[in-house]
Amino acid sequence: MNQILIPISPGELLDKITILEIKAERIQSAEKKANVSNELGMLNKIWSDAVSEDKEITSLREQLKSINESLWDIEDDIRDEERARRFSERFIALARNVYVTNDQRANIKKLINQHLNSDIVEEKSYQDYA
């Protein structure tokens, strides 16, 4: 199947790129790594053709990658707890941390979109829990 091209906000594209960067760093399988590298190369080309990255975007990109690294670690930890059938306070804390961290991620993506005047605006519909 050929690629499916879709309109996407800059924040969403950069989110996908940072996740692929993390996969490229952490995945061990050579076959999976090759697939990740292929997709990452394509998306990096699209990003660099579309966006002149300034200091603000570079900073937001670094923050987004850091948040996605945290999410990766949280998801790994929660899967370990699930696998061991340990549904303790730690499991609950990890599960809660997923949505708290995802909210931080959504905020950074929104800041990227605002900074670049994106005409695509990602909206969340969750009720505030604070």
Protein backbone atom coordinates (compact mmCIF):
# COMPACT_ATOMS: atom_id res chain seq x y z
CA MET A 1 0.00 0.00 0.00
CA ASN A 2 1.16 3.49 -0.77
CA GLN A 3 1.44 6.24 1.79
CA ILE A 4 -1.66 8.09 2.89
CA LEU A 5 -1.02 11.80 3.05
CA ILE A 6 -3.02 13.81 5.58
CA PRO A 7 -3.04 17.37 6.87
CA ILE A 8 -1.35 17.46 10.26
CA SER A 9 -0.48 20.18 12.73
CA PRO A 10 3.19 20.98 13.32
CA GLY A 11 2.82 19.93 16.97
CA GLU A 12 1.45 16.54 15.99
CA LEU A 13 4.22 16.03 13.42
CA LEU A 14 6.93 16.97 15.89
CA ASP A 15 5.35 14.68 18.49
CA LYS A 16 5.54 11.78 16.03
CA ILE A 17 9.15 12.64 15.16
CA THR A 18 10.25 12.75 18.81
CA ILE A 19 8.55 9.41 19.48
CA LEU A 20 10.36 7.89 16.50
CA GLU A 21 13.66 9.34 17.77
CA ILE A 22 13.07 7.62 21.11
CA LYS A 23 12.23 4.36 19.36
CA ALA A 24 15.40 4.63 17.28
CA GLU A 25 17.41 5.04 20.50
CA ARG A 26 15.71 2.31 22.52
CA ILE A 27 14.51 -0.45 20.20
CA GLN A 28 16.94 -3.35 19.94
CA SER A 29 15.56 -5.28 16.95
CA ALA A 30 17.48 -4.44 13.78
CA GLU A 31 14.38 -4.98 11.64
CA LYS A 32 12.21 -2.71 13.77
CA LYS A 33 15.00 -0.14 13.98
CA ALA A 34 15.23 -0.07 10.16
CA ASN A 35 11.47 0.56 9.88
CA VAL A 36 11.67 3.33 12.47
CA SER A 37 14.65 4.90 10.72
CA ASN A 38 12.84 4.85 7.38
CA GLU A 39 9.75 6.58 8.77
CA LEU A 40 11.83 9.03 10.80
CA GLY A 41 13.79 10.03 7.71
CA MET A 42 10.61 10.72 5.76
CA LEU A 43 9.05 12.77 8.54
CA ASN A 44 12.23 14.73 9.26
CA LYS A 45 12.35 15.71 5.58
CA ILE A 46 8.74 16.91 5.69
CA TRP A 47 9.47 18.84 8.91
CA SER A 48 12.60 20.54 7.58
CA ASP A 49 10.88 21.46 4.31
CA ALA A 50 7.88 22.96 6.13
CA VAL A 51 9.35 24.62 9.23
CA SER A 52 12.21 27.00 9.89
CA GLU A 53 13.01 25.92 13.43
CA ASP A 54 13.79 28.88 15.69
CA LYS A 55 15.01 28.88 19.31
CA GLU A 56 11.47 28.64 20.69
CA ILE A 57 10.61 25.62 18.57
CA THR A 58 13.94 23.97 19.39
CA SER A 59 13.20 24.43 23.10
CA LEU A 60 9.64 23.11 22.75
CA ARG A 61 10.95 20.16 20.72
CA GLU A 62 13.39 19.28 23.51
CA GLN A 63 10.60 19.55 26.09
CA LEU A 64 8.30 17.39 23.99
CA LYS A 65 10.95 14.70 23.58
CA SER A 66 11.65 14.73 27.32
CA ILE A 67 7.94 14.32 28.06
CA ASN A 68 7.68 11.48 25.55
CA GLU A 69 10.71 9.80 27.15
CA SER A 70 8.95 10.05 30.51
CA LEU A 71 5.80 8.55 29.00
CA TRP A 72 7.84 5.70 27.51
CA ASP A 73 9.30 4.93 30.95
CA ILE A 74 5.91 5.19 32.67
CA GLU A 75 4.34 2.85 30.11
CA ASP A 76 7.20 0.35 30.51
CA ASP A 77 6.81 0.45 34.29
CA ILE A 78 3.03 0.06 34.22
CA ARG A 79 3.33 -2.90 31.83
CA ASP A 80 5.82 -4.52 34.23
CA GLU A 81 3.30 -4.10 37.05
CA GLU A 82 0.50 -5.48 34.86
CA ARG A 83 2.61 -8.47 33.80
CA ALA A 84 3.34 -9.28 37.45
CA ARG A 85 -0.33 -8.68 38.40
CA ARG A 86 0.74 -6.09 40.99
CA PHE A 87 -2.14 -3.65 41.22
CA SER A 88 -0.77 -1.72 44.17
CA GLU A 89 -0.45 1.97 44.94
CA ARG A 90 2.49 2.05 42.50
CA PHE A 91 0.26 0.79 39.69
CA ILE A 92 -2.35 3.42 40.48
CA ALA A 93 0.29 6.16 40.65
CA LEU A 94 1.72 5.09 37.29
CA ALA A 95 -1.73 4.97 35.69
CA ARG A 96 -2.50 8.47 36.96
CA ASN A 97 0.89 9.67 35.76
CA VAL A 98 -0.01 8.61 32.20
CA TYR A 99 -2.79 11.17 31.87
CA VAL A 100 -0.97 13.89 33.80
CA THR A 101 2.05 13.49 31.51
CA ASN A 102 -0.16 13.29 28.42
CA ASP A 103 -1.71 16.60 29.44
CA GLN A 104 1.78 18.14 29.58
CA ARG A 105 2.43 16.68 26.14
CA ALA A 106 -0.79 18.17 24.75
CA ASN A 107 0.14 21.57 26.17
CA ILE A 108 3.56 21.57 24.48
CA LYS A 109 1.99 20.52 21.17
CA LYS A 110 -0.49 23.38 21.54
CA LEU A 111 2.35 25.85 22.19
CA ILE A 112 4.14 24.61 19.06
CA ASN A 113 0.98 25.04 17.01
CA GLN A 114 0.36 28.52 18.38
CA HIS A 115 3.96 29.62 17.80
CA LEU A 116 3.79 28.45 14.19
CA ASN A 117 0.25 29.81 13.63
CA SER A 118 -1.10 26.40 12.67
CA ASP A 119 -4.52 26.37 11.05
CA ILE A 120 -5.09 22.92 12.56
CA VAL A 121 -5.95 23.10 16.25
CA GLU A 122 -5.97 19.91 18.30
CA GLU A 123 -8.67 20.00 20.98
CA LYS A 124 -9.02 17.84 24.07
CA SER A 125 -12.41 17.16 25.61
CA TYR A 126 -11.42 15.84 29.02
CA GLN A 127 -12.73 17.47 32.16
CA ASP A 128 -10.10 19.17 34.32
CA TYR A 129 -9.12 16.94 37.24
CA ALA A 130 -7.25 19.56 39.24
